Amino acid sequence: MSNVIAKKELDVPLSEAGIHEAIRWLETRKIVFEICCKSYRKAVATKIMEIAEQLYASAWYNDLVDGGQQPAPAIPMDIKETDNETILVAGGAAIFIEFGAGVHHNTSVGSSQHPYGVELGFTIGSYPPAPSKGQYDSWDGTYGTQAQMVLYRAVRMVEPYLEDIAKEVFGQ
C-alpha cells in the first residue's frame, strides 16, 4: 500500500460533472484511507504482541515461600479486529503478571504499581482470589506476583516504531 495515501492534487472543473467526479474521487480516497488505517492498527497491534510475547517469556508468575519464582505459564494472545484492534490475552495469570498480586513485591493494599491499575480497578487485594485481601506478606505459601506490566511495557516499547510503521503503511 506504499504511497497509496501520499499527497495528491485534484484539478476540479467548475461544473456539475466536475464536482460529481471530485466527490467520487474523494469517496474512493476515503475508502483507501480507511483500509490503510485498519492496516496500520493491525501492524501496531502485531508489533505490540510480538514484544509482549518476548516479555511474557521472561516473566514469572508466583513467588513461592519455599521454592522461589515460578516461570509464567504460556499466555495465549490474539488480535481481535475491531474499530481499535484489541489484543486478547487469555488466562488468569496474565492479570497477575500485568498488575501484580500480594503486598510482598508490590505496593500496599488498594494501590497499584501499574500506571492504569487504579483506573482499571486492578489494585492489590482487590480481585479474586484474595481471601486475605493482601493484608499478609505471604498467603497460602506464596509471596504473590510482582507487577511486571508486560502489555504496558510492550506498548511503550512500540512507540518509537510508530512513525516507521505509518510510513510503511501510508507511504512516504
N, C-alpha and C. Protein backbone atom coordinates (compact mmCIF):
# COMPACT_ATOMS: atom_id res chain seq x y z
N MET A 1 0.82 -1.20 0.00
CA MET A 1 0.00 0.00 0.00
C MET A 1 0.85 1.26 0.00
N SER A 2 2.13 1.08 -0.14
CA SER A 2 3.01 2.23 -0.10
C SER A 2 2.61 3.30 -1.11
N ASN A 3 2.64 4.51 -0.69
CA ASN A 3 2.31 5.70 -1.47
C ASN A 3 0.85 5.78 -1.92
N VAL A 4 0.00 4.94 -1.38
CA VAL A 4 -1.42 4.99 -1.74
C VAL A 4 -2.06 6.27 -1.20
N ILE A 5 -1.62 6.70 -0.04
CA ILE A 5 -2.22 7.86 0.60
C ILE A 5 -1.35 9.11 0.43
N ALA A 6 -0.30 9.00 -0.31
CA ALA A 6 0.58 10.15 -0.50
C ALA A 6 -0.22 11.35 -1.00
N LYS A 7 0.30 12.52 -0.73
CA LYS A 7 -0.39 13.75 -1.11
C LYS A 7 -0.70 13.76 -2.61
N LYS A 8 -1.95 14.02 -2.91
CA LYS A 8 -2.39 14.08 -4.30
C LYS A 8 -3.11 15.40 -4.53
N GLU A 9 -2.99 15.92 -5.73
CA GLU A 9 -3.72 17.12 -6.09
C GLU A 9 -4.85 16.74 -7.03
N LEU A 10 -5.94 17.47 -6.92
CA LEU A 10 -7.11 17.20 -7.73
C LEU A 10 -7.49 18.47 -8.47
N ASP A 11 -7.54 18.38 -9.77
CA ASP A 11 -7.94 19.51 -10.59
C ASP A 11 -9.43 19.33 -10.91
N VAL A 12 -10.27 20.20 -10.35
CA VAL A 12 -11.72 20.06 -10.48
C VAL A 12 -12.28 21.16 -11.36
N PRO A 13 -12.87 20.77 -12.50
CA PRO A 13 -13.54 21.77 -13.33
C PRO A 13 -14.78 22.27 -12.59
N LEU A 14 -15.04 23.53 -12.68
CA LEU A 14 -16.20 24.11 -12.00
C LEU A 14 -17.46 23.86 -12.82
N SER A 15 -17.88 22.62 -12.77
CA SER A 15 -19.11 22.22 -13.46
C SER A 15 -19.77 21.15 -12.61
N GLU A 16 -21.01 20.85 -12.91
CA GLU A 16 -21.72 19.82 -12.16
C GLU A 16 -21.00 18.47 -12.31
N ALA A 17 -20.61 18.14 -13.51
CA ALA A 17 -19.91 16.88 -13.77
C ALA A 17 -18.56 16.85 -13.04
N GLY A 18 -17.85 17.96 -13.04
CA GLY A 18 -16.56 18.05 -12.36
C GLY A 18 -16.70 17.84 -10.86
N ILE A 19 -17.73 18.45 -10.27
CA ILE A 19 -17.95 18.31 -8.83
C ILE A 19 -18.33 16.86 -8.49
N HIS A 20 -19.18 16.24 -9.33
CA HIS A 20 -19.53 14.83 -9.10
C HIS A 20 -18.30 13.94 -9.20
N GLU A 21 -17.44 14.21 -10.15
CA GLU A 21 -16.20 13.44 -10.29
C GLU A 21 -15.32 13.63 -9.06
N ALA A 22 -15.22 14.85 -8.55
CA ALA A 22 -14.42 15.13 -7.35
C ALA A 22 -14.99 14.38 -6.15
N ILE A 23 -16.31 14.34 -6.03
CA ILE A 23 -16.95 13.63 -4.92
C ILE A 23 -16.63 12.14 -5.01
N ARG A 24 -16.74 11.55 -6.20
CA ARG A 24 -16.40 10.13 -6.38
C ARG A 24 -14.93 9.88 -6.03
N TRP A 25 -14.06 10.77 -6.47
CA TRP A 25 -12.64 10.63 -6.19
C TRP A 25 -12.40 10.67 -4.67
N LEU A 26 -13.03 11.61 -3.97
CA LEU A 26 -12.88 11.72 -2.52
C LEU A 26 -13.46 10.50 -1.79
N GLU A 27 -14.57 10.00 -2.27
CA GLU A 27 -15.16 8.81 -1.66
C GLU A 27 -14.22 7.61 -1.80
N THR A 28 -13.59 7.48 -2.95
CA THR A 28 -12.62 6.41 -3.17
C THR A 28 -11.43 6.59 -2.24
N ARG A 29 -10.93 7.81 -2.15
CA ARG A 29 -9.79 8.11 -1.26
C ARG A 29 -10.14 7.81 0.19
N LYS A 30 -11.37 8.09 0.58
CA LYS A 30 -11.81 7.80 1.95
C LYS A 30 -11.76 6.30 2.22
N ILE A 31 -12.23 5.50 1.29
CA ILE A 31 -12.21 4.04 1.45
C ILE A 31 -10.77 3.54 1.55
N VAL A 32 -9.91 4.04 0.69
CA VAL A 32 -8.50 3.64 0.72
C VAL A 32 -7.86 4.04 2.05
N PHE A 33 -8.17 5.25 2.51
CA PHE A 33 -7.63 5.73 3.79
C PHE A 33 -8.10 4.84 4.94
N GLU A 34 -9.38 4.46 4.95
CA GLU A 34 -9.90 3.58 6.00
C GLU A 34 -9.20 2.22 5.97
N ILE A 35 -8.94 1.70 4.79
CA ILE A 35 -8.23 0.42 4.66
C ILE A 35 -6.81 0.57 5.21
N CYS A 36 -6.16 1.67 4.88
CA CYS A 36 -4.80 1.91 5.38
C CYS A 36 -4.79 2.06 6.91
N CYS A 37 -5.79 2.75 7.45
CA CYS A 37 -5.87 2.90 8.91
C CYS A 37 -6.02 1.55 9.58
N LYS A 38 -6.85 0.69 9.01
CA LYS A 38 -7.03 -0.65 9.56
C LYS A 38 -5.71 -1.42 9.49
N SER A 39 -5.00 -1.31 8.37
CA SER A 39 -3.70 -1.97 8.22
C SER A 39 -2.70 -1.44 9.25
N TYR A 40 -2.73 -0.14 9.49
CA TYR A 40 -1.84 0.48 10.48
C TYR A 40 -2.14 -0.06 11.88
N ARG A 41 -3.41 -0.07 12.26
CA ARG A 41 -3.79 -0.58 13.58
C ARG A 41 -3.35 -2.03 13.75
N LYS A 42 -3.54 -2.83 12.70
CA LYS A 42 -3.15 -4.24 12.75
C LYS A 42 -1.63 -4.38 12.89
N ALA A 43 -0.88 -3.58 12.14
CA ALA A 43 0.58 -3.63 12.21
C ALA A 43 1.09 -3.23 13.59
N VAL A 44 0.49 -2.20 14.17
CA VAL A 44 0.90 -1.76 15.52
C VAL A 44 0.55 -2.84 16.54
N ALA A 45 -0.66 -3.40 16.46
CA ALA A 45 -1.06 -4.44 17.39
C ALA A 45 -0.16 -5.67 17.27
N THR A 46 0.22 -6.01 16.05
CA THR A 46 1.11 -7.16 15.82
C THR A 46 2.47 -6.91 16.46
N LYS A 47 2.99 -5.71 16.32
CA LYS A 47 4.30 -5.38 16.92
C LYS A 47 4.21 -5.43 18.45
N ILE A 48 3.12 -4.90 19.01
CA ILE A 48 2.93 -4.95 20.46
C ILE A 48 2.89 -6.40 20.92
N MET A 49 2.14 -7.22 20.20
CA MET A 49 2.01 -8.62 20.57
C MET A 49 3.35 -9.35 20.49
N GLU A 50 4.15 -9.07 19.47
CA GLU A 50 5.48 -9.70 19.35
C GLU A 50 6.36 -9.36 20.55
N ILE A 51 6.35 -8.11 20.94
CA ILE A 51 7.17 -7.70 22.09
C ILE A 51 6.62 -8.29 23.38
N ALA A 52 5.29 -8.29 23.53
CA ALA A 52 4.67 -8.86 24.72
C ALA A 52 5.00 -10.35 24.86
N GLU A 53 5.01 -11.08 23.75
CA GLU A 53 5.38 -12.50 23.80
C GLU A 53 6.79 -12.68 24.33
N GLN A 54 7.71 -11.82 23.93
CA GLN A 54 9.08 -11.90 24.42
C GLN A 54 9.14 -11.58 25.92
N LEU A 55 8.37 -10.57 26.34
CA LEU A 55 8.37 -10.19 27.75
C LEU A 55 7.71 -11.27 28.61
N TYR A 56 6.63 -11.87 28.13
CA TYR A 56 5.99 -12.95 28.88
C TYR A 56 6.94 -14.13 29.03
N ALA A 57 7.78 -14.37 28.04
CA ALA A 57 8.71 -15.49 28.09
C ALA A 57 9.69 -15.37 29.25
N SER A 58 9.97 -14.15 29.69
CA SER A 58 10.89 -13.95 30.80
C SER A 58 10.16 -13.56 32.10
N ALA A 59 8.83 -13.52 32.07
CA ALA A 59 8.06 -13.14 33.26
C ALA A 59 7.96 -14.32 34.22
N TRP A 60 7.66 -14.01 35.46
CA TRP A 60 7.41 -15.05 36.45
C TRP A 60 6.04 -14.80 37.06
N TYR A 61 5.45 -15.90 37.54
CA TYR A 61 4.06 -15.84 37.97
C TYR A 61 3.86 -15.87 39.48
N ASN A 62 4.59 -16.66 40.18
CA ASN A 62 4.31 -16.87 41.59
C ASN A 62 5.62 -17.02 42.33
N ASP A 63 5.78 -16.28 43.42
CA ASP A 63 6.99 -16.39 44.24
C ASP A 63 6.63 -17.24 45.45
N LEU A 64 6.96 -18.52 45.37
CA LEU A 64 6.62 -19.43 46.46
C LEU A 64 7.53 -19.19 47.66
N VAL A 65 6.96 -19.29 48.86
CA VAL A 65 7.75 -19.12 50.08
C VAL A 65 8.87 -20.15 50.10
N ASP A 66 8.54 -21.38 49.76
CA ASP A 66 9.55 -22.45 49.68
C ASP A 66 9.65 -22.88 48.22
N GLY A 67 10.52 -22.29 47.46
CA GLY A 67 10.68 -22.75 46.09
C GLY A 67 11.01 -21.66 45.08
N GLY A 68 10.85 -20.43 45.46
CA GLY A 68 11.23 -19.34 44.56
C GLY A 68 10.19 -19.05 43.48
N GLN A 69 10.60 -18.25 42.54
CA GLN A 69 9.69 -17.76 41.49
C GLN A 69 9.43 -18.83 40.44
N GLN A 70 8.16 -19.00 40.11
CA GLN A 70 7.78 -19.94 39.07
C GLN A 70 7.71 -19.20 37.74
N PRO A 71 8.18 -19.82 36.66
CA PRO A 71 8.04 -19.17 35.36
C PRO A 71 6.57 -19.00 35.02
N ALA A 72 6.28 -17.97 34.28
CA ALA A 72 4.90 -17.72 33.87
C ALA A 72 4.42 -18.85 32.98
N PRO A 73 3.15 -19.23 33.13
CA PRO A 73 2.61 -20.22 32.21
C PRO A 73 2.49 -19.60 30.82
N ALA A 74 2.26 -20.42 29.82
CA ALA A 74 2.05 -19.89 28.47
C ALA A 74 0.86 -18.96 28.50
N ILE A 75 1.00 -17.80 27.90
CA ILE A 75 -0.06 -16.80 27.86
C ILE A 75 -0.52 -16.68 26.41
N PRO A 76 -1.66 -17.31 26.06
CA PRO A 76 -2.14 -17.20 24.68
C PRO A 76 -2.58 -15.77 24.36
N MET A 77 -2.21 -15.29 23.19
CA MET A 77 -2.60 -13.95 22.75
C MET A 77 -3.12 -14.01 21.32
N ASP A 78 -4.01 -13.09 21.02
CA ASP A 78 -4.55 -13.00 19.67
C ASP A 78 -4.99 -11.56 19.45
N ILE A 79 -5.09 -11.17 18.20
CA ILE A 79 -5.57 -9.82 17.86
C ILE A 79 -7.00 -9.93 17.36
N LYS A 80 -7.88 -9.20 17.98
CA LYS A 80 -9.28 -9.15 17.55
C LYS A 80 -9.46 -7.88 16.73
N GLU A 81 -9.90 -8.06 15.51
CA GLU A 81 -10.08 -6.90 14.63
C GLU A 81 -11.39 -6.20 14.98
N THR A 82 -11.24 -5.01 15.55
CA THR A 82 -12.38 -4.17 15.91
C THR A 82 -12.09 -2.79 15.35
N ASP A 83 -12.85 -1.81 15.77
CA ASP A 83 -12.57 -0.43 15.34
C ASP A 83 -11.23 0.06 15.86
N ASN A 84 -10.72 -0.57 16.90
CA ASN A 84 -9.46 -0.13 17.50
C ASN A 84 -8.45 -1.23 17.71
N GLU A 85 -8.60 -2.36 17.06
CA GLU A 85 -7.71 -3.52 17.21
C GLU A 85 -7.46 -3.78 18.69
N THR A 86 -7.84 -4.93 19.15
CA THR A 86 -7.69 -5.30 20.55
C THR A 86 -6.80 -6.53 20.63
N ILE A 87 -5.84 -6.48 21.52
CA ILE A 87 -5.02 -7.66 21.76
C ILE A 87 -5.68 -8.43 22.90
N LEU A 88 -6.07 -9.66 22.61
CA LEU A 88 -6.70 -10.50 23.61
C LEU A 88 -5.63 -11.35 24.28
N VAL A 89 -5.62 -11.30 25.59
CA VAL A 89 -4.67 -12.08 26.37
C VAL A 89 -5.49 -13.00 27.26
N ALA A 90 -5.24 -14.29 27.20
CA ALA A 90 -6.05 -15.26 27.93
C ALA A 90 -5.33 -15.77 29.17
N GLY A 91 -6.11 -16.17 30.15
CA GLY A 91 -5.57 -16.80 31.34
C GLY A 91 -5.46 -15.84 32.51
N GLY A 92 -5.83 -16.34 33.67
CA GLY A 92 -5.79 -15.53 34.88
C GLY A 92 -4.39 -15.06 35.24
N ALA A 93 -3.38 -15.83 34.87
CA ALA A 93 -2.01 -15.44 35.20
C ALA A 93 -1.65 -14.11 34.55
N ALA A 94 -2.22 -13.83 33.40
CA ALA A 94 -1.90 -12.59 32.70
C ALA A 94 -2.24 -11.36 33.54
N ILE A 95 -3.36 -11.40 34.24
CA ILE A 95 -3.76 -10.27 35.09
C ILE A 95 -2.77 -10.10 36.23
N PHE A 96 -2.40 -11.21 36.87
CA PHE A 96 -1.46 -11.13 37.99
C PHE A 96 -0.09 -10.63 37.52
N ILE A 97 0.35 -11.11 36.37
CA ILE A 97 1.65 -10.69 35.85
C ILE A 97 1.62 -9.21 35.47
N GLU A 98 0.52 -8.76 34.88
CA GLU A 98 0.41 -7.35 34.46
C GLU A 98 0.31 -6.41 35.67
N PHE A 99 -0.60 -6.73 36.61
CA PHE A 99 -0.92 -5.79 37.69
C PHE A 99 -0.35 -6.17 39.05
N GLY A 100 0.12 -7.39 39.18
CA GLY A 100 0.69 -7.84 40.45
C GLY A 100 -0.38 -8.39 41.38
N ALA A 101 0.08 -9.19 42.33
CA ALA A 101 -0.81 -9.76 43.34
C ALA A 101 0.02 -9.96 44.61
N GLY A 102 -0.52 -9.51 45.73
CA GLY A 102 0.17 -9.66 47.01
C GLY A 102 1.05 -8.45 47.31
N VAL A 103 1.19 -8.15 48.61
CA VAL A 103 1.92 -6.94 49.02
C VAL A 103 3.43 -7.14 49.13
N HIS A 104 3.89 -8.37 49.13
CA HIS A 104 5.33 -8.60 49.32
C HIS A 104 6.16 -7.92 48.23
N HIS A 105 5.75 -8.03 46.99
CA HIS A 105 6.51 -7.46 45.87
C HIS A 105 5.89 -6.17 45.34
N ASN A 106 4.77 -5.75 45.88
CA ASN A 106 4.03 -4.63 45.32
C ASN A 106 3.79 -3.57 46.37
N THR A 107 2.98 -2.61 46.01
CA THR A 107 2.63 -1.54 46.93
C THR A 107 1.54 -2.02 47.87
N SER A 108 1.05 -1.17 48.72
CA SER A 108 0.09 -1.57 49.75
C SER A 108 -1.29 -1.90 49.17
N VAL A 109 -2.11 -2.53 49.99
CA VAL A 109 -3.46 -2.91 49.60
C VAL A 109 -4.22 -1.68 49.09
N GLY A 110 -4.92 -1.85 47.97
CA GLY A 110 -5.71 -0.76 47.39
C GLY A 110 -4.93 0.13 46.44
N SER A 111 -3.63 -0.11 46.29
CA SER A 111 -2.81 0.70 45.38
C SER A 111 -2.33 -0.19 44.24
N SER A 112 -1.56 0.40 43.34
CA SER A 112 -1.03 -0.36 42.22
C SER A 112 0.24 0.29 41.70
N GLN A 113 1.24 -0.54 41.36
CA GLN A 113 2.44 -0.02 40.71
C GLN A 113 2.18 0.29 39.25
N HIS A 114 1.15 -0.34 38.70
CA HIS A 114 0.81 -0.19 37.28
C HIS A 114 0.17 1.19 37.06
N PRO A 115 0.61 1.94 36.05
CA PRO A 115 0.06 3.28 35.82
C PRO A 115 -1.47 3.30 35.62
N TYR A 116 -2.05 2.18 35.18
CA TYR A 116 -3.51 2.14 34.96
C TYR A 116 -4.22 1.21 35.94
N GLY A 117 -3.51 0.68 36.92
CA GLY A 117 -4.09 -0.28 37.85
C GLY A 117 -5.28 0.25 38.62
N VAL A 118 -5.14 1.43 39.21
CA VAL A 118 -6.25 2.01 39.98
C VAL A 118 -7.41 2.35 39.06
N GLU A 119 -7.12 2.99 37.94
CA GLU A 119 -8.16 3.39 36.98
C GLU A 119 -8.96 2.19 36.49
N LEU A 120 -8.29 1.06 36.26
CA LEU A 120 -8.96 -0.14 35.74
C LEU A 120 -9.52 -1.03 36.84
N GLY A 121 -9.25 -0.68 38.10
CA GLY A 121 -9.78 -1.46 39.21
C GLY A 121 -8.95 -2.67 39.58
N PHE A 122 -7.72 -2.74 39.10
CA PHE A 122 -6.84 -3.86 39.43
C PHE A 122 -5.80 -3.39 40.44
N THR A 123 -6.23 -3.28 41.67
CA THR A 123 -5.33 -2.87 42.74
C THR A 123 -4.99 -4.08 43.60
N ILE A 124 -3.95 -3.96 44.38
CA ILE A 124 -3.51 -5.06 45.24
C ILE A 124 -4.63 -5.37 46.24
N GLY A 125 -5.01 -6.64 46.28
CA GLY A 125 -6.04 -7.09 47.21
C GLY A 125 -7.46 -6.86 46.72
N SER A 126 -7.63 -6.43 45.47
CA SER A 126 -8.99 -6.08 45.01
C SER A 126 -9.63 -7.10 44.10
N TYR A 127 -8.90 -8.10 43.65
CA TYR A 127 -9.51 -9.05 42.73
C TYR A 127 -9.23 -10.48 43.19
N PRO A 128 -10.15 -11.39 42.90
CA PRO A 128 -10.04 -12.78 43.37
C PRO A 128 -8.89 -13.50 42.69
N PRO A 129 -8.38 -14.57 43.28
CA PRO A 129 -8.71 -14.97 44.64
C PRO A 129 -7.84 -14.22 45.64
N ALA A 130 -8.43 -13.50 46.51
CA ALA A 130 -7.68 -12.73 47.52
C ALA A 130 -8.39 -12.78 48.86
N PRO A 131 -8.52 -14.00 49.43
CA PRO A 131 -9.25 -14.09 50.68
C PRO A 131 -8.60 -13.32 51.81
N SER A 132 -7.27 -13.12 51.74
CA SER A 132 -6.61 -12.36 52.79
C SER A 132 -6.63 -10.87 52.49
N LYS A 133 -7.12 -10.47 51.30
CA LYS A 133 -7.15 -9.08 50.86
C LYS A 133 -5.78 -8.43 50.98
N GLY A 134 -4.72 -9.22 50.80
CA GLY A 134 -3.37 -8.67 50.75
C GLY A 134 -2.84 -8.17 52.06
N GLN A 135 -3.47 -8.54 53.18
CA GLN A 135 -3.02 -7.98 54.45
C GLN A 135 -1.79 -8.66 55.02
N TYR A 136 -1.38 -9.79 54.42
CA TYR A 136 -0.22 -10.52 54.92
C TYR A 136 0.89 -10.48 53.88
N ASP A 137 2.13 -10.64 54.39
CA ASP A 137 3.28 -10.66 53.49
C ASP A 137 3.24 -11.89 52.59
N SER A 138 2.70 -12.99 53.08
CA SER A 138 2.53 -14.19 52.26
C SER A 138 1.18 -14.80 52.58
N TRP A 139 0.66 -15.55 51.63
CA TRP A 139 -0.64 -16.20 51.83
C TRP A 139 -0.60 -17.53 51.12
N ASP A 140 -1.02 -18.57 51.81
CA ASP A 140 -1.12 -19.90 51.22
C ASP A 140 0.19 -20.33 50.56
N GLY A 141 1.30 -20.03 51.20
CA GLY A 141 2.60 -20.49 50.70
C GLY A 141 3.21 -19.67 49.58
N THR A 142 2.65 -18.48 49.28
CA THR A 142 3.20 -17.67 48.20
C THR A 142 3.34 -16.21 48.62
N TYR A 143 4.34 -15.57 48.06
CA TYR A 143 4.51 -14.12 48.26
C TYR A 143 3.76 -13.33 47.19
N GLY A 144 3.18 -14.03 46.25
CA GLY A 144 2.43 -13.36 45.19
C GLY A 144 3.29 -13.13 43.95
N THR A 145 2.85 -12.18 43.15
CA THR A 145 3.48 -11.89 41.86
C THR A 145 3.74 -10.40 41.75
N GLN A 146 4.93 -10.04 41.38
CA GLN A 146 5.26 -8.63 41.18
C GLN A 146 4.57 -8.12 39.92
N ALA A 147 4.09 -6.89 39.96
CA ALA A 147 3.51 -6.27 38.77
C ALA A 147 4.63 -6.11 37.74
N GLN A 148 4.53 -6.89 36.65
CA GLN A 148 5.58 -6.85 35.63
C GLN A 148 5.17 -6.04 34.40
N MET A 149 3.90 -5.65 34.34
CA MET A 149 3.37 -4.70 33.35
C MET A 149 3.79 -5.04 31.92
N VAL A 150 3.64 -6.28 31.53
CA VAL A 150 4.10 -6.74 30.23
C VAL A 150 3.45 -5.97 29.08
N LEU A 151 2.14 -5.89 29.06
CA LEU A 151 1.47 -5.19 27.96
C LEU A 151 1.74 -3.69 27.99
N TYR A 152 1.74 -3.10 29.17
CA TYR A 152 2.06 -1.67 29.28
C TYR A 152 3.46 -1.40 28.73
N ARG A 153 4.41 -2.22 29.14
CA ARG A 153 5.79 -2.04 28.67
C ARG A 153 5.90 -2.27 27.16
N ALA A 154 5.16 -3.28 26.65
CA ALA A 154 5.20 -3.56 25.21
C ALA A 154 4.68 -2.37 24.41
N VAL A 155 3.60 -1.76 24.88
CA VAL A 155 3.07 -0.57 24.20
C VAL A 155 4.11 0.54 24.20
N ARG A 156 4.72 0.78 25.35
CA ARG A 156 5.74 1.84 25.44
C ARG A 156 6.95 1.54 24.54
N MET A 157 7.29 0.27 24.41
CA MET A 157 8.44 -0.11 23.57
C MET A 157 8.14 0.01 22.08
N VAL A 158 6.87 -0.02 21.71
CA VAL A 158 6.48 0.11 20.30
C VAL A 158 6.44 1.58 19.87
N GLU A 159 6.27 2.48 20.80
CA GLU A 159 6.14 3.91 20.46
C GLU A 159 7.21 4.41 19.49
N PRO A 160 8.49 4.07 19.66
CA PRO A 160 9.50 4.56 18.71
C PRO A 160 9.31 4.04 17.28
N TYR A 161 8.56 2.96 17.10
CA TYR A 161 8.35 2.37 15.77
C TYR A 161 7.11 2.93 15.06
N LEU A 162 6.28 3.71 15.74
CA LEU A 162 5.01 4.13 15.16
C LEU A 162 5.16 4.90 13.85
N GLU A 163 6.13 5.80 13.79
CA GLU A 163 6.33 6.58 12.57
C GLU A 163 6.78 5.69 11.42
N ASP A 164 7.69 4.76 11.69
CA ASP A 164 8.15 3.85 10.63
C ASP A 164 7.02 2.97 10.13
N ILE A 165 6.18 2.48 11.06
CA ILE A 165 5.04 1.66 10.66
C ILE A 165 4.09 2.48 9.80
N ALA A 166 3.86 3.74 10.18
CA ALA A 166 2.98 4.62 9.40
C ALA A 166 3.54 4.85 8.01
N LYS A 167 4.83 5.07 7.90
CA LYS A 167 5.45 5.29 6.59
C LYS A 167 5.30 4.04 5.72
N GLU A 168 5.46 2.89 6.34
CA GLU A 168 5.34 1.63 5.59
C GLU A 168 3.92 1.43 5.09
N VAL A 169 2.93 1.76 5.89
CA VAL A 169 1.53 1.53 5.53
C VAL A 169 0.99 2.62 4.62
N PHE A 170 1.24 3.87 4.97
CA PHE A 170 0.66 5.01 4.24
C PHE A 170 1.55 5.53 3.12
N GLY A 171 2.79 5.14 3.13
CA GLY A 171 3.72 5.67 2.13
C GLY A 171 4.42 6.90 2.67
N GLN A 172 5.46 7.33 1.98
CA GLN A 172 6.27 8.47 2.45
C GLN A 172 5.50 9.72 2.48
